[in-house]
Amino acid sequence: MKNLIAILSIFLIFFGSIVIHAEGADEHDNRVAIVIDDFGNDMKGTEEILHLPVKLTIAVMPFLSTTKKDAELAHELGHEVILHLPMEPLKGKRSWLGPGAITTDLSNEEISKRVNAAIDEVPHAVGINNHMGSKATADERVMRIILGICKERHLYYLDSKTSRKSVVSKIATELSVPYLENELFFDEVYTTNHIVKQTNQLIRKTEVDDSIIAIGHVGIAGEKTASVLKQYIPALKKKAEPVTLSTILIEKELITTPY
């Protein structure tokens, strides 16, 4: 009997170590957060993106035809939801921004009113990022109001980095608002070749960075972006763990609990 117990013990230790090693084989110390912008208007690629087999951060525009539907479905499918706040660019038509946009000619009171209304419009939003916004994110007055509201309402801010002159990091640091910065756009050029190139670049970045943030879009290139991501997710998972923005913030100890 003692010999049998000894043999069983060795068996369990040996095979148990194999199981533990196998389970840990796909674990990574580095993280990648994929953010998809422009939800809220039944854009191309919406269903395909939402049903990708990976955790995403879904940025939903306010006051549009499917704003609430997209936010609710994203939440139901286990994705993280943030407000994709329309903000004034240096170039382009105001009509491209959509309703409730934040522009630099608005009063402090009107900016505050619009930002709070937009937050209320997007169910389950735990953060904000900018839609366009190359002019607004470089305006200290505007960003101090927006980031002040983030602090009041316990939201983080993702700077989409549409402007090199962005003041988000400066003011967010002053106000102690958790913030992150985009590092790569998948589909600023609407071709499959470009999206593949950017996805490969993201995978290469995982080899040197412990956390990476990349942004794609539904809309004109939405179906292409969804298709490329679906194809490349297995390769990406071998290099890094796909996570939400809140997870990166928690691991950076910028917030202590998910928003």
Protein backbone atom coordinates (compact mmCIF):
# COMPACT_ATOMS: atom_id res chain seq x y z
CA MET A 1 0.00 0.00 0.00
CA LYS A 2 2.81 2.41 0.88
CA ASN A 3 4.43 1.76 -2.48
CA LEU A 4 1.14 2.45 -4.26
CA ILE A 5 0.71 5.75 -2.40
CA ALA A 6 4.26 6.73 -3.27
CA ILE A 7 3.70 5.94 -6.94
CA LEU A 8 0.46 7.93 -6.98
CA SER A 9 2.18 10.86 -5.31
CA ILE A 10 4.93 10.91 -7.93
CA PHE A 11 2.28 10.62 -10.67
CA LEU A 12 0.33 13.58 -9.32
CA ILE A 13 3.42 15.73 -8.84
CA PHE A 14 4.74 14.94 -12.32
CA PHE A 15 1.52 15.36 -14.25
CA GLY A 16 0.34 18.21 -12.02
CA SER A 17 3.46 20.17 -12.91
CA ILE A 18 2.77 19.57 -16.60
CA VAL A 19 -0.80 20.88 -16.25
CA ILE A 20 0.34 23.94 -14.30
CA HIS A 21 3.01 24.69 -16.88
CA ALA A 22 0.56 24.25 -19.74
CA GLU A 23 -1.99 26.52 -18.12
CA GLY A 24 0.66 29.19 -17.58
CA ALA A 25 2.10 28.86 -21.07
CA ASP A 26 -0.20 31.52 -22.52
CA GLU A 27 0.11 33.90 -19.58
CA HIS A 28 1.89 37.17 -20.25
CA ASP A 29 3.30 40.03 -18.22
CA ASN A 30 2.55 42.49 -21.01
CA ARG A 31 -0.88 43.79 -21.97
CA VAL A 32 -2.54 45.22 -25.05
CA ALA A 33 -5.75 47.26 -25.00
CA ILE A 34 -7.67 47.58 -28.27
CA VAL A 35 -10.10 50.49 -28.41
CA ILE A 36 -12.69 50.73 -31.16
CA ASP A 37 -14.16 54.20 -31.80
CA ASP A 38 -17.27 55.60 -33.47
CA PHE A 39 -20.02 53.30 -32.18
CA GLY A 40 -23.50 54.76 -31.83
CA ASN A 41 -24.69 55.22 -35.41
CA ASP A 42 -25.09 51.67 -36.72
CA MET A 43 -21.78 51.91 -38.55
CA LYS A 44 -20.23 49.21 -40.74
CA GLY A 45 -18.42 46.55 -38.73
CA THR A 46 -20.42 47.10 -35.54
CA GLU A 47 -21.66 43.53 -35.14
CA GLU A 48 -18.40 42.00 -36.34
CA ILE A 49 -16.29 44.03 -33.90
CA LEU A 50 -18.56 43.43 -30.92
CA HIS A 51 -18.44 39.67 -31.45
CA LEU A 52 -14.67 39.36 -31.73
CA PRO A 53 -13.35 36.75 -29.25
CA VAL A 54 -11.39 39.25 -27.19
CA LYS A 55 -12.00 41.94 -24.58
CA LEU A 56 -12.25 45.38 -26.15
CA THR A 57 -12.85 48.94 -25.02
CA ILE A 58 -15.82 50.28 -26.99
CA ALA A 59 -16.01 54.05 -27.51
CA VAL A 60 -19.61 55.15 -28.13
CA MET A 61 -20.63 58.55 -29.47
CA PRO A 62 -23.56 60.27 -27.71
CA PHE A 63 -26.96 61.36 -29.03
CA LEU A 64 -26.99 59.08 -32.07
CA SER A 65 -29.44 56.47 -33.34
CA THR A 66 -27.81 53.42 -31.74
CA THR A 67 -25.90 55.03 -28.89
CA LYS A 68 -27.72 53.22 -26.09
CA LYS A 69 -28.14 49.98 -28.05
CA ASP A 70 -24.42 49.72 -28.86
CA ALA A 71 -23.36 50.58 -25.31
CA GLU A 72 -25.74 48.06 -23.77
CA LEU A 73 -24.72 45.28 -26.16
CA ALA A 74 -21.02 45.96 -25.68
CA HIS A 75 -21.47 45.78 -21.91
CA GLU A 76 -23.55 42.62 -22.19
CA LEU A 77 -20.81 40.96 -24.27
CA GLY A 78 -18.17 41.75 -21.65
CA HIS A 79 -16.47 44.73 -23.28
CA GLU A 80 -15.65 47.98 -21.50
CA VAL A 81 -17.63 51.07 -22.55
CA ILE A 82 -16.36 54.63 -22.73
CA LEU A 83 -17.82 57.88 -24.07
CA HIS A 84 -16.41 58.91 -27.45
CA LEU A 85 -16.81 62.65 -26.99
CA PRO A 86 -16.98 64.76 -30.19
CA MET A 87 -14.37 67.53 -29.91
CA GLU A 88 -13.31 70.28 -32.27
CA PRO A 89 -10.51 69.53 -34.78
CA LEU A 90 -8.12 71.97 -36.40
CA LYS A 91 -9.49 71.05 -39.80
CA GLY A 92 -12.75 69.60 -41.06
CA LYS A 93 -16.45 70.39 -41.06
CA ARG A 94 -18.37 70.77 -37.82
CA SER A 95 -21.03 68.52 -39.29
CA TRP A 96 -18.56 65.64 -39.03
CA LEU A 97 -18.56 65.96 -35.26
CA GLY A 98 -22.18 65.04 -34.64
CA PRO A 99 -24.53 66.45 -31.98
CA GLY A 100 -23.35 67.84 -28.66
CA ALA A 101 -19.79 68.54 -29.83
CA ILE A 102 -17.31 70.39 -27.63
CA THR A 103 -15.86 73.40 -29.43
CA THR A 104 -13.46 76.04 -28.21
CA ASP A 105 -15.92 78.91 -28.68
CA LEU A 106 -18.33 77.55 -26.06
CA SER A 107 -18.62 79.05 -22.59
CA ASN A 108 -17.42 77.15 -19.54
CA GLU A 109 -21.02 76.54 -18.53
CA GLU A 110 -22.02 75.18 -21.93
CA ILE A 111 -19.00 72.87 -22.10
CA SER A 112 -19.82 71.49 -18.67
CA LYS A 113 -23.46 71.04 -19.61
CA ARG A 114 -22.63 69.21 -22.83
CA VAL A 115 -20.02 66.92 -21.29
CA ASN A 116 -22.29 65.86 -18.43
CA ALA A 117 -25.19 65.29 -20.83
CA ALA A 118 -22.97 63.16 -23.07
CA ILE A 119 -21.81 61.03 -20.14
CA ASP A 120 -25.42 60.47 -19.10
CA GLU A 121 -26.28 59.45 -22.65
CA VAL A 122 -23.88 56.47 -22.81
CA PRO A 123 -24.80 53.61 -20.44
CA HIS A 124 -21.96 51.91 -18.54
CA ALA A 125 -19.33 54.49 -19.58
CA VAL A 126 -16.28 54.35 -17.29
CA GLY A 127 -14.09 56.75 -19.22
CA ILE A 128 -13.89 59.30 -22.03
CA ASN A 129 -11.82 59.64 -25.17
CA ASN A 130 -11.91 62.29 -27.87
CA HIS A 131 -13.53 61.96 -31.29
CA MET A 132 -11.33 64.12 -33.52
CA GLY A 133 -10.36 66.95 -31.13
CA SER A 134 -6.99 68.13 -32.44
CA LYS A 135 -7.94 71.71 -31.55
CA ALA A 136 -9.89 71.10 -28.35
CA THR A 137 -7.31 68.81 -26.72
CA ALA A 138 -4.68 71.53 -27.15
CA ASP A 139 -6.88 74.11 -25.35
CA GLU A 140 -6.11 74.30 -21.62
CA ARG A 141 -9.40 75.95 -20.70
CA VAL A 142 -11.48 73.32 -22.46
CA MET A 143 -9.49 70.35 -21.18
CA ARG A 144 -9.46 71.64 -17.60
CA ILE A 145 -13.27 71.60 -17.65
CA ILE A 146 -13.51 68.15 -19.24
CA LEU A 147 -10.90 66.57 -16.99
CA GLY A 148 -12.43 68.26 -13.95
CA ILE A 149 -15.70 66.52 -14.77
CA CYS A 150 -13.82 63.23 -15.18
CA LYS A 151 -12.53 63.66 -11.65
CA GLU A 152 -15.95 64.56 -10.27
CA ARG A 153 -17.61 61.58 -11.94
CA HIS A 154 -14.80 59.08 -11.38
CA LEU A 155 -13.96 58.56 -15.04
CA TYR A 156 -10.59 58.07 -16.68
CA TYR A 157 -9.50 59.81 -19.87
CA LEU A 158 -7.88 58.28 -22.94
CA ASP A 159 -6.07 60.84 -25.09
CA SER A 160 -6.51 59.64 -28.66
CA LYS A 161 -3.43 61.73 -29.50
CA THR A 162 -4.85 63.50 -32.53
CA SER A 163 -2.60 66.47 -31.68
CA ARG A 164 1.05 66.66 -30.68
CA LYS A 165 0.11 69.81 -28.77
CA SER A 166 -2.36 68.00 -26.51
CA VAL A 167 -2.41 69.29 -22.93
CA VAL A 168 -4.22 66.23 -21.54
CA SER A 169 -1.21 64.73 -19.75
CA LYS A 170 -0.29 68.04 -18.13
CA ILE A 171 -3.74 68.86 -16.81
CA ALA A 172 -4.70 65.28 -15.91
CA THR A 173 -1.53 65.06 -13.82
CA GLU A 174 -2.33 68.36 -12.10
CA LEU A 175 -5.87 67.22 -11.30
CA SER A 176 -4.91 63.61 -10.43
CA VAL A 177 -7.19 62.20 -13.13
CA PRO A 178 -6.25 58.72 -14.41
CA TYR A 179 -5.30 59.01 -18.06
CA LEU A 180 -3.78 56.98 -20.85
CA GLU A 181 -2.52 57.75 -24.35
CA ASN A 182 -3.13 56.05 -27.67
CA GLU A 183 -0.01 54.70 -29.35
CA LEU A 184 -1.25 53.42 -32.70
CA PHE A 185 -4.17 53.77 -35.13
CA PHE A 186 -5.13 50.65 -37.07
CA ASP A 187 -7.12 52.22 -39.85
CA GLU A 188 -6.42 55.90 -40.45
CA VAL A 189 -5.81 54.68 -44.01
CA TYR A 190 -8.83 52.70 -45.19
CA THR A 191 -7.10 49.75 -46.82
CA THR A 192 -6.67 46.16 -45.70
CA ASN A 193 -2.94 46.33 -46.45
CA HIS A 194 -2.51 49.28 -44.11
CA ILE A 195 -4.56 47.68 -41.33
CA VAL A 196 -2.48 44.50 -41.64
CA LYS A 197 0.71 46.58 -41.50
CA GLN A 198 -0.46 48.39 -38.36
CA THR A 199 -1.55 45.15 -36.71
CA ASN A 200 1.87 43.63 -37.34
CA GLN A 201 3.44 46.76 -35.89
CA LEU A 202 1.29 46.35 -32.78
CA ILE A 203 2.44 42.76 -32.39
CA ARG A 204 6.07 43.87 -32.67
CA LYS A 205 5.49 46.54 -30.03
CA THR A 206 4.35 43.87 -27.56
CA GLU A 207 7.91 42.52 -27.58
CA VAL A 208 9.31 45.73 -26.07
CA ASP A 209 6.44 47.43 -24.22
CA ASP A 210 4.66 46.10 -21.14
CA SER A 211 1.39 47.80 -22.09
CA ILE A 212 0.17 49.12 -25.42
CA ILE A 213 -2.98 50.91 -26.54
CA ALA A 214 -4.23 50.90 -30.13
CA ILE A 215 -7.35 52.42 -31.70
CA GLY A 216 -9.49 51.21 -34.59
CA HIS A 217 -12.90 52.26 -35.88
CA VAL A 218 -16.24 51.07 -37.05
CA GLY A 219 -17.48 52.88 -40.15
CA ILE A 220 -15.77 53.16 -43.53
CA ALA A 221 -13.06 50.62 -42.68
CA GLY A 222 -14.98 48.86 -39.94
CA GLU A 223 -15.53 45.55 -41.71
CA LYS A 224 -11.88 45.45 -42.84
CA THR A 225 -10.65 46.22 -39.34
CA ALA A 226 -12.88 43.51 -37.88
CA SER A 227 -11.68 40.97 -40.44
CA VAL A 228 -7.98 41.70 -39.88
CA LEU A 229 -8.31 41.66 -36.09
CA LYS A 230 -10.19 38.36 -36.19
CA GLN A 231 -7.39 36.87 -38.26
CA TYR A 232 -4.59 38.25 -36.07
CA ILE A 233 -6.04 37.81 -32.57
CA PRO A 234 -4.51 34.31 -32.11
CA ALA A 235 -1.05 35.67 -32.98
CA LEU A 236 -1.57 38.67 -30.73
CA LYS A 237 -2.61 36.47 -27.80
CA LYS A 238 0.68 34.59 -28.08
CA LYS A 239 2.54 37.84 -27.45
CA ALA A 240 0.34 39.72 -24.96
CA GLU A 241 -2.88 39.52 -22.99
CA PRO A 242 -5.72 41.58 -24.49
CA VAL A 243 -7.30 43.67 -21.73
CA THR A 244 -9.48 46.71 -21.17
CA LEU A 245 -8.15 50.18 -20.43
CA SER A 246 -9.21 49.89 -16.79
CA THR A 247 -6.99 46.84 -16.40
CA ILE A 248 -3.98 48.78 -17.62
CA LEU A 249 -4.78 51.63 -15.25
CA ILE A 250 -5.12 49.26 -12.31
CA GLU A 251 -1.82 47.55 -13.10
CA LYS A 252 -0.15 50.96 -13.39
CA GLU A 253 -1.64 51.70 -9.94
CA LEU A 254 -3.30 54.83 -11.29
CA ILE A 255 -6.66 53.61 -10.00
CA THR A 256 -7.36 51.08 -7.27
CA THR A 257 -10.65 49.72 -8.52
CA PRO A 258 -12.30 49.52 -11.94
CA TYR A 259 -14.40 52.58 -12.80
